[in-house]
C-alpha atoms as a PDB file:
ATOM      1  CA  MET A   1      -0.103   0.192   0.152  1.00  0.00           C
ATOM      2  CA  ALA A   2       1.418   3.599  -0.351  1.00  0.00           C
ATOM      3  CA  GLY A   3       1.074   5.190   3.214  1.00  0.00           C
ATOM      4  CA  GLU A   4       3.098   2.008   4.708  1.00  0.00           C
ATOM      5  CA  HIS A   5       6.620   2.430   5.498  1.00  0.00           C
ATOM      6  CA  ASN A   6       8.706  -0.771   5.625  1.00  0.00           C
ATOM      7  CA  PRO A   7      11.595  -1.539   8.194  1.00  0.00           C
ATOM      8  CA  ALA A   8      14.220  -3.162   6.268  1.00  0.00           C
ATOM      9  CA  ASP A   9      13.912   0.388   3.963  1.00  0.00           C
ATOM     10  CA  GLN A  10      14.422   2.274   6.920  1.00  0.00           C
ATOM     11  CA  VAL A  11      17.715   0.439   8.004  1.00  0.00           C
ATOM     12  CA  GLY A  12      19.202  -0.124   4.044  1.00  0.00           C
ATOM     13  CA  LEU A  13      18.305   4.033   4.181  1.00  0.00           C
ATOM     14  CA  GLY A  14      20.718   4.306   7.247  1.00  0.00           C
ATOM     15  CA  ARG A  15      22.951   1.805   5.809  1.00  0.00           C
ATOM     16  CA  SER A  16      23.021   4.268   2.795  1.00  0.00           C
ATOM     17  CA  ILE A  17      23.641   7.303   4.884  1.00  0.00           C
ATOM     18  CA  SER A  18      26.197   5.821   6.786  1.00  0.00           C
ATOM     19  CA  SER A  19      27.824   4.444   4.089  1.00  0.00           C
ATOM     20  CA  LEU A  20      27.186   7.878   2.660  1.00  0.00           C
ATOM     21  CA  SER A  21      28.780  10.024   5.111  1.00  0.00           C
ATOM     22  CA  ALA A  22      31.910   7.606   5.852  1.00  0.00           C
ATOM     23  CA  THR A  23      32.515   7.940   2.185  1.00  0.00           C
ATOM     24  CA  LEU A  24      32.692  11.296   2.538  1.00  0.00           C
ATOM     25  CA  LEU A  25      34.970  11.809   5.606  1.00  0.00           C
ATOM     26  CA  SER A  26      37.345   9.548   4.105  1.00  0.00           C
ATOM     27  CA  TYR A  27      37.103  11.964   1.397  1.00  0.00           C
ATOM     28  CA  VAL A  28      37.530  15.476   2.754  1.00  0.00           C
ATOM     29  CA  GLN A  29      40.004  13.829   5.108  1.00  0.00           C
ATOM     30  CA  ALA A  30      43.001  12.335   2.575  1.00  0.00           C
ATOM     31  CA  ARG A  31      41.959  16.270   0.596  1.00  0.00           C
ATOM     32  CA  GLY A  32      43.223  17.602   3.881  1.00  0.00           C
ATOM     33  CA  GLU A  33      45.444  14.979   3.702  1.00  0.00           C
ATOM     34  CA  LEU A  34      47.294  16.248   0.510  1.00  0.00           C
ATOM     35  CA  ALA A  35      46.570  20.317   1.190  1.00  0.00           C
ATOM     36  CA  ALA A  36      48.826  19.259   4.862  1.00  0.00           C
ATOM     37  CA  ILE A  37      51.504  17.547   2.629  1.00  0.00           C
ATOM     38  CA  GLU A  38      51.272  20.138   0.100  1.00  0.00           C
ATOM     39  CA  ALA A  39      51.736  23.720   2.425  1.00  0.00           C
ATOM     40  CA  ARG A  40      55.005  21.130   4.571  1.00  0.00           C
ATOM     41  CA  GLU A  41      56.647  21.105   1.371  1.00  0.00           C
ATOM     42  CA  ALA A  42      56.141  24.697  -0.076  1.00  0.00           C
ATOM     43  CA  GLY A  43      57.103  26.287   3.614  1.00  0.00           C
ATOM     44  CA  GLY A  44      60.297  24.434   4.324  1.00  0.00           C
ATOM     45  CA  GLY A  45      61.255  25.384   0.893  1.00  0.00           C
ATOM     46  CA  LEU A  46      59.620  29.389   0.676  1.00  0.00           C
ATOM     47  CA  ALA A  47      61.165  29.876   4.376  1.00  0.00           C
ATOM     48  CA  ARG A  48      64.895  28.900   3.077  1.00  0.00           C
ATOM     49  CA  ILE A  49      63.942  31.197   0.093  1.00  0.00           C
ATOM     50  CA  ALA A  50      62.967  33.338   1.723  1.00  0.00           C
ATOM     51  CA  LEU A  51      66.405  33.869   4.270  1.00  0.00           C
ATOM     52  CA  LEU A  52      68.862  33.217   1.200  1.00  0.00           C
ATOM     53  CA  LEU A  53      66.426  36.109  -0.593  1.00  0.00           C
ATOM     54  CA  GLY A  54      66.971  38.613   2.789  1.00  0.00           C
ATOM     55  CA  VAL A  55      70.728  37.997   2.332  1.00  0.00           C
ATOM     56  CA  ALA A  56      70.682  38.481  -1.704  1.00  0.00           C
ATOM     57  CA  VAL A  57      69.240  41.551  -1.513  1.00  0.00           C
ATOM     58  CA  LEU A  58      70.607  42.865   1.861  1.00  0.00           C
ATOM     59  CA  SER A  59      74.079  42.643   0.442  1.00  0.00           C
ATOM     60  CA  LEU A  60      73.038  43.628  -2.859  1.00  0.00           C
ATOM     61  CA  ALA A  61      71.538  46.781  -0.985  1.00  0.00           C
ATOM     62  CA  LEU A  62      74.903  47.786   0.944  1.00  0.00           C
ATOM     63  CA  ALA A  63      77.451  46.690  -2.495  1.00  0.00           C
ATOM     64  CA  TRP A  64      74.285  49.256  -4.454  1.00  0.00           C
ATOM     65  CA  LEU A  65      74.670  52.183  -2.077  1.00  0.00           C
ATOM     66  CA  LEU A  66      78.472  52.084  -2.274  1.00  0.00           C
ATOM     67  CA  LEU A  67      78.304  51.990  -6.057  1.00  0.00           C
ATOM     68  CA  VAL A  68      76.480  55.249  -6.373  1.00  0.00           C
ATOM     69  CA  LEU A  69      78.064  56.433  -3.825  1.00  0.00           C
ATOM     70  CA  ALA A  70      81.019  56.056  -6.217  1.00  0.00           C
ATOM     71  CA  ALA A  71      79.038  57.330  -9.252  1.00  0.00           C
ATOM     72  CA  ALA A  72      78.151  60.553  -7.243  1.00  0.00           C
ATOM     73  CA  PHE A  73      81.243  61.668  -6.534  1.00  0.00           C
ATOM     74  CA  GLY A  74      82.402  60.766  -9.723  1.00  0.00           C
ATOM     75  CA  LEU A  75      80.336  62.527 -11.927  1.00  0.00           C
ATOM     76  CA  GLU A  76      80.309  65.367  -9.695  1.00  0.00           C
ATOM     77  CA  MET A  77      83.959  65.580 -10.130  1.00  0.00           C
ATOM     78  CA  TRP A  78      83.808  64.989 -13.934  1.00  0.00           C
ATOM     79  CA  THR A  79      80.534  66.985 -14.751  1.00  0.00           C
ATOM     80  CA  GLY A  80      81.318  70.256 -12.833  1.00  0.00           C
ATOM     81  CA  TRP A  81      77.161  69.963 -11.342  1.00  0.00           C
ATOM     82  CA  PRO A  82      76.130  70.471  -8.328  1.00  0.00           C
ATOM     83  CA  TRP A  83      76.285  67.747  -5.637  1.00  0.00           C
ATOM     84  CA  ALA A  84      72.407  68.047  -4.798  1.00  0.00           C
ATOM     85  CA  ALA A  85      72.121  67.828  -8.466  1.00  0.00           C
ATOM     86  CA  VAL A  86      74.187  65.063  -8.983  1.00  0.00           C
ATOM     87  CA  VAL A  87      72.282  62.824  -6.305  1.00  0.00           C
ATOM     88  CA  ALA A  88      68.579  64.105  -7.547  1.00  0.00           C
ATOM     89  CA  ALA A  89      69.438  62.489 -11.181  1.00  0.00           C
ATOM     90  CA  LEU A  90      70.522  59.173  -9.390  1.00  0.00           C
ATOM     91  CA  ALA A  91      67.441  58.694  -7.690  1.00  0.00           C
ATOM     92  CA  GLY A  92      65.695  59.898 -10.556  1.00  0.00           C
ATOM     93  CA  LEU A  93      66.951  57.205 -12.069  1.00  0.00           C
ATOM     94  CA  HIS A  94      66.426  54.688  -8.711  1.00  0.00           C
ATOM     95  CA  LEU A  95      63.220  56.250  -8.660  1.00  0.00           C
ATOM     96  CA  LEU A  96      62.304  54.494 -12.558  1.00  0.00           C
ATOM     97  CA  ALA A  97      64.302  51.175 -12.401  1.00  0.00           C
ATOM     98  CA  ALA A  98      61.943  50.840  -9.073  1.00  0.00           C
ATOM     99  CA  VAL A  99      58.908  51.147 -11.286  1.00  0.00           C
ATOM    100  CA  VAL A 100      59.838  48.781 -13.870  1.00  0.00           C
ATOM    101  CA  ALA A 101      60.861  46.587 -11.943  1.00  0.00           C
ATOM    102  CA  LEU A 102      57.748  46.306  -9.476  1.00  0.00           C
ATOM    103  CA  LEU A 103      55.872  46.468 -12.821  1.00  0.00           C
ATOM    104  CA  GLY A 104      57.585  43.348 -13.620  1.00  0.00           C
ATOM    105  CA  VAL A 105      57.090  41.293 -10.608  1.00  0.00           C
ATOM    106  CA  LYS A 106      52.859  42.618 -10.957  1.00  0.00           C
ATOM    107  CA  PHE A 107      52.763  41.264 -15.177  1.00  0.00           C
ATOM    108  CA  GLY A 108      55.152  38.208 -14.878  1.00  0.00           C
ATOM    109  CA  PHE A 109      55.250  36.229 -11.661  1.00  0.00           C
ATOM    110  CA  LYS A 110      52.683  33.159 -11.591  1.00  0.00           C
ATOM    111  CA  CYS A 111      53.884  31.285  -9.193  1.00  0.00           C
ATOM    112  CA  PRO A 112      51.641  28.669  -8.440  1.00  0.00           C
ATOM    113  CA  MET A 113      51.012  26.714  -5.544  1.00  0.00           C
ATOM    114  CA  PHE A 114      48.693  23.930  -4.217  1.00  0.00           C
ATOM    115  CA  SER A 115      48.678  21.911  -7.887  1.00  0.00           C
ATOM    116  CA  ALA A 116      48.304  18.387  -7.003  1.00  0.00           C
ATOM    117  CA  THR A 117      45.238  19.332  -4.438  1.00  0.00           C
ATOM    118  CA  VAL A 118      43.916  21.898  -7.180  1.00  0.00           C
ATOM    119  CA  ALA A 119      43.952  18.931 -10.021  1.00  0.00           C
ATOM    120  CA  GLU A 120      42.559  16.888  -8.031  1.00  0.00           C
ATOM    121  CA  LEU A 121      40.231  18.912  -6.758  1.00  0.00           C
ATOM    122  CA  GLN A 122      38.820  20.097 -10.562  1.00  0.00           C
ATOM    123  CA  LYS A 123      38.942  16.023 -11.271  1.00  0.00           C
ATOM    124  CA  ASP A 124      36.349  15.790  -7.666  1.00  0.00           C
ATOM    125  CA  LYS A 125      34.202  18.528  -9.136  1.00  0.00           C
ATOM    126  CA  GLU A 126      34.853  16.956 -12.627  1.00  0.00           C
ATOM    127  CA  SER A 127      33.246  13.620 -11.638  1.00  0.00           C
ATOM    128  CA  LEU A 128      30.131  14.721  -9.507  1.00  0.00           C
ATOM    129  CA  LYS A 129      29.072  16.517 -12.774  1.00  0.00           C
ATOM    130  CA  THR A 130      28.881  13.256 -14.529  1.00  0.00           C
ATOM    131  CA  TRP A 131      27.935  11.456 -11.861  1.00  0.00           C
ATOM    132  CA  THR A 132      25.489  14.132 -11.208  1.00  0.00           C
ATOM    133  CA  GLN A 133      24.177  14.162 -14.738  1.00  0.00           C
ATOM    134  CA  GLU A 134      23.866   9.725 -14.813  1.00  0.00           C
ATOM    135  CA  ASN A 135      21.595  10.047 -11.861  1.00  0.00           C
ATOM    136  CA  ARG A 136      19.654  12.685 -12.399  1.00  0.00           C
ATOM    137  CA  ARG A 137      15.448  11.236 -11.826  1.00  0.00           C
ATOM    138  CA  PHE A 138      13.635  13.258 -13.679  1.00  0.00           C
END
């Protein structure tokens, strides 16, 4: 009859919900573990790169400062320009170089991070889309 409920159906539904929950938790755990592994790998590499980059930048800045100071003295003696004009010209050149470098960073730096996680999530999205289309009952 239409209004009767079969207890066997409720047990089957409970098992299905339990199985679905276990599968979902397993899926989330696997994705979380993958993201954690990639984060650890990226973090260790990024910390080392940041330290080396910091040392390199500091060393280059000090060397550049001394080089610019020597160039300023040389230009002042060679051209006879006032000290302030030579320093202003060198500052302008440095400002131009900084703008060009920042534009290069803004438009040229693309570093893919968590690429394996993103790829797995994309595959999961496509699988769910396919499964949903195949199991639609309308």
